[in-house]
Amino acid sequence: METNETIKEIKKQFRLFMNGVVSQSMREKGLDYKLNFGIELPRLKEIAAKFEKNHDVAQALWKENIRECKILAGLLQPVETFYPEIADIWVEDMRYPEIAELTCMNLFQHLPYASEKAFQWMADEGEYFQFCGYMVMARLLMKGGELNEPAENEFLDQALTALQGESGMVCRASSTALRRYACQSVENARRLLKILLPLASSDRMEVVSLIEEVKLEADSSC
């Protein structure tokens, strides 16, 4: 099936399962996509399963300013042809945390260069680059990925800065990654707790909540 025909068939599936209530709810929350069918993630995964992974199809879907197209792009993109420069272009194009988080989950964490990109993006000045960097790192840590000492120090330094930065979404993402780091071992949790304690008086609930969770993990690993 040609790329254009595949795209048409995918959009046909979207129309079959569109949910106006969910779409309206998203608009009310500020998710102002050009077009939003309101299809929930489990259904989108079912739709994606009907099609083979295809680079051209995924790239065409990503270019559409349609929520469901961008989500399916991450599900249908083969990792073998998703080069580092394309990953940067996708992040540059992101406008919604939902798309960023789902793309990290469905695609970025599986890339052979995921760790390198995580560190590169965490150090970037762009908000969505940082967000994706921490979300990818969280996924890698969740899968049991280990950091050597220099990488561990760099990650903790970057994450601590992000926790205190201006961006709420980056703070949330760095907090997620730090939680996964603490869950790996009691030693990690205790080291992180020492670093976080000076922030105990923070007025950010995300930071206070993180400290409380790490305190618990310092006594028993996940």
C-alpha atoms as a PDB file:
ATOM      1  CA  MET A   1       0.000   0.000   0.000  1.00  0.00           C
ATOM      2  CA  GLU A   2       1.348   3.447  -0.963  1.00  0.00           C
ATOM      3  CA  THR A   3       2.073   5.980   1.759  1.00  0.00           C
ATOM      4  CA  ASN A   4      -0.826   8.261   0.832  1.00  0.00           C
ATOM      5  CA  GLU A   5      -3.249   5.349   0.760  1.00  0.00           C
ATOM      6  CA  THR A   6      -2.032   4.143   4.146  1.00  0.00           C
ATOM      7  CA  ILE A   7      -2.522   7.617   5.624  1.00  0.00           C
ATOM      8  CA  LYS A   8      -6.066   7.732   4.243  1.00  0.00           C
ATOM      9  CA  GLU A   9      -6.837   4.326   5.753  1.00  0.00           C
ATOM     10  CA  ILE A  10      -5.428   5.402   9.130  1.00  0.00           C
ATOM     11  CA  LYS A  11      -7.573   8.559   9.126  1.00  0.00           C
ATOM     12  CA  LYS A  12     -10.572   6.419   8.230  1.00  0.00           C
ATOM     13  CA  GLN A  13      -9.891   4.393  11.389  1.00  0.00           C
ATOM     14  CA  PHE A  14      -9.702   7.636  13.374  1.00  0.00           C
ATOM     15  CA  ARG A  15     -13.157   8.682  12.184  1.00  0.00           C
ATOM     16  CA  LEU A  16     -14.612   5.320  13.194  1.00  0.00           C
ATOM     17  CA  PHE A  17     -13.405   5.682  16.782  1.00  0.00           C
ATOM     18  CA  MET A  18     -13.558   9.438  17.338  1.00  0.00           C
ATOM     19  CA  ASN A  19     -14.757  10.549  20.780  1.00  0.00           C
ATOM     20  CA  GLY A  20     -16.199  14.047  20.852  1.00  0.00           C
ATOM     21  CA  VAL A  21     -16.510  14.161  24.644  1.00  0.00           C
ATOM     22  CA  VAL A  22     -12.806  13.418  25.177  1.00  0.00           C
ATOM     23  CA  SER A  23     -11.838  15.835  22.411  1.00  0.00           C
ATOM     24  CA  GLN A  24     -13.891  18.648  23.956  1.00  0.00           C
ATOM     25  CA  SER A  25     -12.428  17.928  27.392  1.00  0.00           C
ATOM     26  CA  MET A  26      -8.898  18.227  25.974  1.00  0.00           C
ATOM     27  CA  ARG A  27      -9.718  21.545  24.309  1.00  0.00           C
ATOM     28  CA  GLU A  28     -11.051  22.871  27.599  1.00  0.00           C
ATOM     29  CA  LYS A  29      -7.721  21.912  29.199  1.00  0.00           C
ATOM     30  CA  GLY A  30      -5.806  23.928  26.602  1.00  0.00           C
ATOM     31  CA  LEU A  31      -4.842  21.120  24.202  1.00  0.00           C
ATOM     32  CA  ASP A  32      -5.726  23.110  21.099  1.00  0.00           C
ATOM     33  CA  TYR A  33      -4.726  20.749  18.289  1.00  0.00           C
ATOM     34  CA  LYS A  34      -5.671  21.640  14.706  1.00  0.00           C
ATOM     35  CA  LEU A  35      -7.709  18.433  14.799  1.00  0.00           C
ATOM     36  CA  ASN A  36      -8.283  16.077  17.713  1.00  0.00           C
ATOM     37  CA  PHE A  37     -10.407  12.945  17.363  1.00  0.00           C
ATOM     38  CA  GLY A  38     -10.318  12.307  21.121  1.00  0.00           C
ATOM     39  CA  ILE A  39      -9.231   8.690  20.700  1.00  0.00           C
ATOM     40  CA  GLU A  40      -7.750   7.160  23.841  1.00  0.00           C
ATOM     41  CA  LEU A  41      -4.328   5.511  23.855  1.00  0.00           C
ATOM     42  CA  PRO A  42      -5.405   1.822  24.092  1.00  0.00           C
ATOM     43  CA  ARG A  43      -7.581   2.274  20.996  1.00  0.00           C
ATOM     44  CA  LEU A  44      -4.755   4.062  19.161  1.00  0.00           C
ATOM     45  CA  LYS A  45      -2.471   1.130  19.889  1.00  0.00           C
ATOM     46  CA  GLU A  46      -5.092  -1.195  18.431  1.00  0.00           C
ATOM     47  CA  ILE A  47      -5.216   0.922  15.278  1.00  0.00           C
ATOM     48  CA  ALA A  48      -1.413   0.988  15.024  1.00  0.00           C
ATOM     49  CA  ALA A  49      -1.300  -2.813  15.309  1.00  0.00           C
ATOM     50  CA  LYS A  50      -3.213  -3.060  12.020  1.00  0.00           C
ATOM     51  CA  PHE A  51      -0.337  -1.477  10.105  1.00  0.00           C
ATOM     52  CA  GLU A  52       3.301  -2.437   9.623  1.00  0.00           C
ATOM     53  CA  LYS A  53       5.986  -0.081  10.895  1.00  0.00           C
ATOM     54  CA  ASN A  54       7.006   2.164   8.030  1.00  0.00           C
ATOM     55  CA  HIS A  55       9.396   5.117   7.977  1.00  0.00           C
ATOM     56  CA  ASP A  56       7.659   7.091   5.228  1.00  0.00           C
ATOM     57  CA  VAL A  57       4.229   6.634   6.796  1.00  0.00           C
ATOM     58  CA  ALA A  58       5.481   7.672  10.232  1.00  0.00           C
ATOM     59  CA  GLN A  59       7.220  10.764   8.855  1.00  0.00           C
ATOM     60  CA  ALA A  60       4.089  11.776   6.941  1.00  0.00           C
ATOM     61  CA  LEU A  61       1.929  11.283  10.033  1.00  0.00           C
ATOM     62  CA  TRP A  62       4.266  13.396  12.168  1.00  0.00           C
ATOM     63  CA  LYS A  63       3.949  16.347   9.779  1.00  0.00           C
ATOM     64  CA  GLU A  64       0.193  16.463  10.369  1.00  0.00           C
ATOM     65  CA  ASN A  65      -0.970  18.790  13.152  1.00  0.00           C
ATOM     66  CA  ILE A  66      -3.417  16.149  14.311  1.00  0.00           C
ATOM     67  CA  ARG A  67      -3.084  14.631  17.775  1.00  0.00           C
ATOM     68  CA  GLU A  68      -3.723  11.048  16.731  1.00  0.00           C
ATOM     69  CA  CYS A  69      -1.394  11.277  13.719  1.00  0.00           C
ATOM     70  CA  LYS A  70       1.516  12.340  15.901  1.00  0.00           C
ATOM     71  CA  ILE A  71       0.868   9.572  18.426  1.00  0.00           C
ATOM     72  CA  LEU A  72       0.678   6.938  15.691  1.00  0.00           C
ATOM     73  CA  ALA A  73       3.865   8.300  14.130  1.00  0.00           C
ATOM     74  CA  GLY A  74       5.749   7.258  17.260  1.00  0.00           C
ATOM     75  CA  LEU A  75       4.106   3.835  17.198  1.00  0.00           C
ATOM     76  CA  LEU A  76       4.797   3.156  13.504  1.00  0.00           C
ATOM     77  CA  GLN A  77       8.329   4.577  13.167  1.00  0.00           C
ATOM     78  CA  PRO A  78      11.004   1.850  12.820  1.00  0.00           C
ATOM     79  CA  VAL A  79      13.955   2.561  15.118  1.00  0.00           C
ATOM     80  CA  GLU A  80      16.417   1.409  12.431  1.00  0.00           C
ATOM     81  CA  THR A  81      15.708   4.409  10.186  1.00  0.00           C
ATOM     82  CA  PHE A  82      15.108   6.993  12.894  1.00  0.00           C
ATOM     83  CA  TYR A  83      18.431   8.795  12.875  1.00  0.00           C
ATOM     84  CA  PRO A  84      19.573  11.167  15.671  1.00  0.00           C
ATOM     85  CA  GLU A  85      19.031  14.276  13.563  1.00  0.00           C
ATOM     86  CA  ILE A  86      15.418  13.237  12.916  1.00  0.00           C
ATOM     87  CA  ALA A  87      14.868  12.814  16.654  1.00  0.00           C
ATOM     88  CA  ASP A  88      16.019  16.410  17.176  1.00  0.00           C
ATOM     89  CA  ILE A  89      13.654  17.637  14.462  1.00  0.00           C
ATOM     90  CA  TRP A  90      10.712  15.870  16.105  1.00  0.00           C
ATOM     91  CA  VAL A  91      11.453  17.361  19.515  1.00  0.00           C
ATOM     92  CA  GLU A  92      11.862  20.813  17.959  1.00  0.00           C
ATOM     93  CA  ASP A  93       8.383  20.399  16.495  1.00  0.00           C
ATOM     94  CA  MET A  94       6.680  19.416  19.764  1.00  0.00           C
ATOM     95  CA  ARG A  95       4.052  21.731  21.259  1.00  0.00           C
ATOM     96  CA  TYR A  96       2.200  19.534  23.760  1.00  0.00           C
ATOM     97  CA  PRO A  97       3.533  17.586  26.787  1.00  0.00           C
ATOM     98  CA  GLU A  98       1.168  14.712  25.966  1.00  0.00           C
ATOM     99  CA  ILE A  99       2.799  14.165  22.572  1.00  0.00           C
ATOM    100  CA  ALA A 100       6.287  14.512  24.052  1.00  0.00           C
ATOM    101  CA  GLU A 101       5.623  11.988  26.807  1.00  0.00           C
ATOM    102  CA  LEU A 102       3.983   9.425  24.524  1.00  0.00           C
ATOM    103  CA  THR A 103       6.732   9.739  21.910  1.00  0.00           C
ATOM    104  CA  CYS A 104       9.346   9.110  24.611  1.00  0.00           C
ATOM    105  CA  MET A 105       7.418   6.035  25.732  1.00  0.00           C
ATOM    106  CA  ASN A 106       6.562   4.625  22.303  1.00  0.00           C
ATOM    107  CA  LEU A 107       9.750   5.449  20.386  1.00  0.00           C
ATOM    108  CA  PHE A 108      12.592   7.410  21.969  1.00  0.00           C
ATOM    109  CA  GLN A 109      13.310   4.976  24.815  1.00  0.00           C
ATOM    110  CA  HIS A 110      13.832   2.166  22.277  1.00  0.00           C
ATOM    111  CA  LEU A 111      16.424   3.978  20.163  1.00  0.00           C
ATOM    112  CA  PRO A 112      19.945   2.498  20.212  1.00  0.00           C
ATOM    113  CA  TYR A 113      21.283   5.957  21.044  1.00  0.00           C
ATOM    114  CA  ALA A 114      18.597   6.755  23.647  1.00  0.00           C
ATOM    115  CA  SER A 115      21.063   7.275  26.497  1.00  0.00           C
ATOM    116  CA  GLU A 116      23.218   9.670  24.484  1.00  0.00           C
ATOM    117  CA  LYS A 117      20.180  11.689  23.457  1.00  0.00           C
ATOM    118  CA  ALA A 118      18.866  11.778  27.023  1.00  0.00           C
ATOM    119  CA  PHE A 119      22.032  13.471  28.251  1.00  0.00           C
ATOM    120  CA  GLN A 120      22.214  15.787  25.238  1.00  0.00           C
ATOM    121  CA  TRP A 121      18.608  16.886  25.650  1.00  0.00           C
ATOM    122  CA  MET A 122      18.807  17.327  29.426  1.00  0.00           C
ATOM    123  CA  ALA A 123      21.599  19.849  28.866  1.00  0.00           C
ATOM    124  CA  ASP A 124      19.732  21.691  26.103  1.00  0.00           C
ATOM    125  CA  GLU A 125      18.150  25.081  26.737  1.00  0.00           C
ATOM    126  CA  GLY A 126      14.893  24.138  25.009  1.00  0.00           C
ATOM    127  CA  GLU A 127      11.997  23.244  27.286  1.00  0.00           C
ATOM    128  CA  TYR A 128      10.784  20.276  25.243  1.00  0.00           C
ATOM    129  CA  PHE A 129      14.321  18.991  24.733  1.00  0.00           C
ATOM    130  CA  GLN A 130      14.842  18.967  28.501  1.00  0.00           C
ATOM    131  CA  PHE A 131      11.429  17.393  29.090  1.00  0.00           C
ATOM    132  CA  CYS A 132      12.158  14.576  26.632  1.00  0.00           C
ATOM    133  CA  GLY A 133      15.661  14.100  28.033  1.00  0.00           C
ATOM    134  CA  TYR A 134      14.355  13.450  31.532  1.00  0.00           C
ATOM    135  CA  MET A 135      11.425  11.319  30.363  1.00  0.00           C
ATOM    136  CA  VAL A 136      13.753   9.122  28.291  1.00  0.00           C
ATOM    137  CA  MET A 137      16.135   8.842  31.242  1.00  0.00           C
ATOM    138  CA  ALA A 138      13.223   7.833  33.471  1.00  0.00           C
ATOM    139  CA  ARG A 139      12.287   5.087  31.020  1.00  0.00           C
ATOM    140  CA  LEU A 140      15.866   3.807  30.780  1.00  0.00           C
ATOM    141  CA  LEU A 141      16.224   3.728  34.567  1.00  0.00           C
ATOM    142  CA  MET A 142      12.876   1.969  34.856  1.00  0.00           C
ATOM    143  CA  LYS A 143      14.230  -0.766  32.569  1.00  0.00           C
ATOM    144  CA  GLY A 144      17.231  -1.254  34.851  1.00  0.00           C
ATOM    145  CA  GLY A 145      19.722   0.915  33.004  1.00  0.00           C
ATOM    146  CA  GLU A 146      22.753   1.748  35.123  1.00  0.00           C
ATOM    147  CA  LEU A 147      24.858   4.900  35.077  1.00  0.00           C
ATOM    148  CA  ASN A 148      28.616   4.981  35.567  1.00  0.00           C
ATOM    149  CA  GLU A 149      29.919   7.477  38.123  1.00  0.00           C
ATOM    150  CA  PRO A 150      30.528  10.442  35.748  1.00  0.00           C
ATOM    151  CA  ALA A 151      27.144   9.928  34.074  1.00  0.00           C
ATOM    152  CA  GLU A 152      25.412   9.575  37.445  1.00  0.00           C
ATOM    153  CA  ASN A 153      26.971  12.815  38.699  1.00  0.00           C
ATOM    154  CA  GLU A 154      25.985  14.657  35.525  1.00  0.00           C
ATOM    155  CA  PHE A 155      22.419  13.371  35.688  1.00  0.00           C
ATOM    156  CA  LEU A 156      21.979  14.369  39.338  1.00  0.00           C
ATOM    157  CA  ASP A 157      23.467  17.829  38.771  1.00  0.00           C
ATOM    158  CA  GLN A 158      21.224  18.487  35.763  1.00  0.00           C
ATOM    159  CA  ALA A 159      18.116  17.136  37.484  1.00  0.00           C
ATOM    160  CA  LEU A 160      18.688  19.200  40.619  1.00  0.00           C
ATOM    161  CA  THR A 161      18.937  22.338  38.492  1.00  0.00           C
ATOM    162  CA  ALA A 162      15.762  21.393  36.619  1.00  0.00           C
ATOM    163  CA  LEU A 163      13.858  20.885  39.870  1.00  0.00           C
ATOM    164  CA  GLN A 164      14.522  24.513  40.741  1.00  0.00           C
ATOM    165  CA  GLY A 165      14.033  25.932  37.244  1.00  0.00           C
ATOM    166  CA  GLU A 166      11.167  27.994  35.898  1.00  0.00           C
ATOM    167  CA  SER A 167       9.542  25.295  33.779  1.00  0.00           C
ATOM    168  CA  GLY A 168       6.893  23.286  35.606  1.00  0.00           C
ATOM    169  CA  MET A 169       6.850  20.535  32.988  1.00  0.00           C
ATOM    170  CA  VAL A 170      10.640  20.108  33.125  1.00  0.00           C
ATOM    171  CA  CYS A 171      10.479  20.033  36.933  1.00  0.00           C
ATOM    172  CA  ARG A 172       7.891  17.255  36.705  1.00  0.00           C
ATOM    173  CA  ALA A 173       9.952  15.277  34.198  1.00  0.00           C
ATOM    174  CA  SER A 174      13.178  15.576  36.213  1.00  0.00           C
ATOM    175  CA  SER A 175      11.268  14.519  39.318  1.00  0.00           C
ATOM    176  CA  THR A 176      10.005  11.442  37.472  1.00  0.00           C
ATOM    177  CA  ALA A 177      13.552  10.497  36.463  1.00  0.00           C
ATOM    178  CA  LEU A 178      14.860  11.021  39.993  1.00  0.00           C
ATOM    179  CA  ARG A 179      12.105   8.783  41.379  1.00  0.00           C
ATOM    180  CA  ARG A 180      13.193   6.011  39.023  1.00  0.00           C
ATOM    181  CA  TYR A 181      16.820   6.535  40.049  1.00  0.00           C
ATOM    182  CA  ALA A 182      15.894   6.252  43.737  1.00  0.00           C
ATOM    183  CA  CYS A 183      13.898   3.090  43.058  1.00  0.00           C
ATOM    184  CA  GLN A 184      16.951   1.272  41.705  1.00  0.00           C
ATOM    185  CA  SER A 185      18.589   0.778  45.107  1.00  0.00           C
ATOM    186  CA  VAL A 186      18.625   1.905  48.726  1.00  0.00           C
ATOM    187  CA  GLU A 187      22.062   3.393  48.079  1.00  0.00           C
ATOM    188  CA  ASN A 188      20.691   5.549  45.263  1.00  0.00           C
ATOM    189  CA  ALA A 189      17.783   6.695  47.406  1.00  0.00           C
ATOM    190  CA  ARG A 190      20.045   7.638  50.308  1.00  0.00           C
ATOM    191  CA  ARG A 191      22.440   9.549  48.070  1.00  0.00           C
ATOM    192  CA  LEU A 192      19.557  11.406  46.443  1.00  0.00           C
ATOM    193  CA  LEU A 193      17.989  12.215  49.796  1.00  0.00           C
ATOM    194  CA  LYS A 194      21.169  13.968  50.971  1.00  0.00           C
ATOM    195  CA  ILE A 195      21.119  16.078  47.811  1.00  0.00           C
ATOM    196  CA  LEU A 196      17.427  16.936  48.107  1.00  0.00           C
ATOM    197  CA  LEU A 197      17.166  17.776  51.812  1.00  0.00           C
ATOM    198  CA  PRO A 198      18.309  21.412  51.334  1.00  0.00           C
ATOM    199  CA  LEU A 199      15.200  21.838  49.148  1.00  0.00           C
ATOM    200  CA  ALA A 200      12.804  20.618  51.855  1.00  0.00           C
ATOM    201  CA  SER A 201      11.379  24.117  52.324  1.00  0.00           C
ATOM    202  CA  SER A 202      10.576  24.481  48.617  1.00  0.00           C
ATOM    203  CA  ASP A 203       7.156  25.918  47.753  1.00  0.00           C
ATOM    204  CA  ARG A 204       6.858  23.459  44.860  1.00  0.00           C
ATOM    205  CA  MET A 205       4.639  20.532  45.755  1.00  0.00           C
ATOM    206  CA  GLU A 206       6.436  18.385  43.158  1.00  0.00           C
ATOM    207  CA  VAL A 207       9.723  18.822  45.026  1.00  0.00           C
ATOM    208  CA  VAL A 208       8.235  18.285  48.500  1.00  0.00           C
ATOM    209  CA  SER A 209       6.423  15.158  47.299  1.00  0.00           C
ATOM    210  CA  LEU A 210       9.630  13.841  45.720  1.00  0.00           C
ATOM    211  CA  ILE A 211      11.562  14.264  48.970  1.00  0.00           C
ATOM    212  CA  GLU A 212       8.894  12.417  50.945  1.00  0.00           C
ATOM    213  CA  GLU A 213       8.922   9.517  48.479  1.00  0.00           C
ATOM    214  CA  VAL A 214      12.711   9.309  48.454  1.00  0.00           C
ATOM    215  CA  LYS A 215      12.708   9.195  52.269  1.00  0.00           C
ATOM    216  CA  LEU A 216      10.575   6.063  52.067  1.00  0.00           C
ATOM    217  CA  GLU A 217      12.790   4.510  49.404  1.00  0.00           C
ATOM    218  CA  ALA A 218      15.888   5.188  51.497  1.00  0.00           C
ATOM    219  CA  ASP A 219      14.631   2.502  53.865  1.00  0.00           C
ATOM    220  CA  SER A 220      13.559  -0.038  51.253  1.00  0.00           C
ATOM    221  CA  SER A 221      14.197  -0.317  47.508  1.00  0.00           C
ATOM    222  CA  CYS A 222      11.290  -0.601  45.044  1.00  0.00           C
END
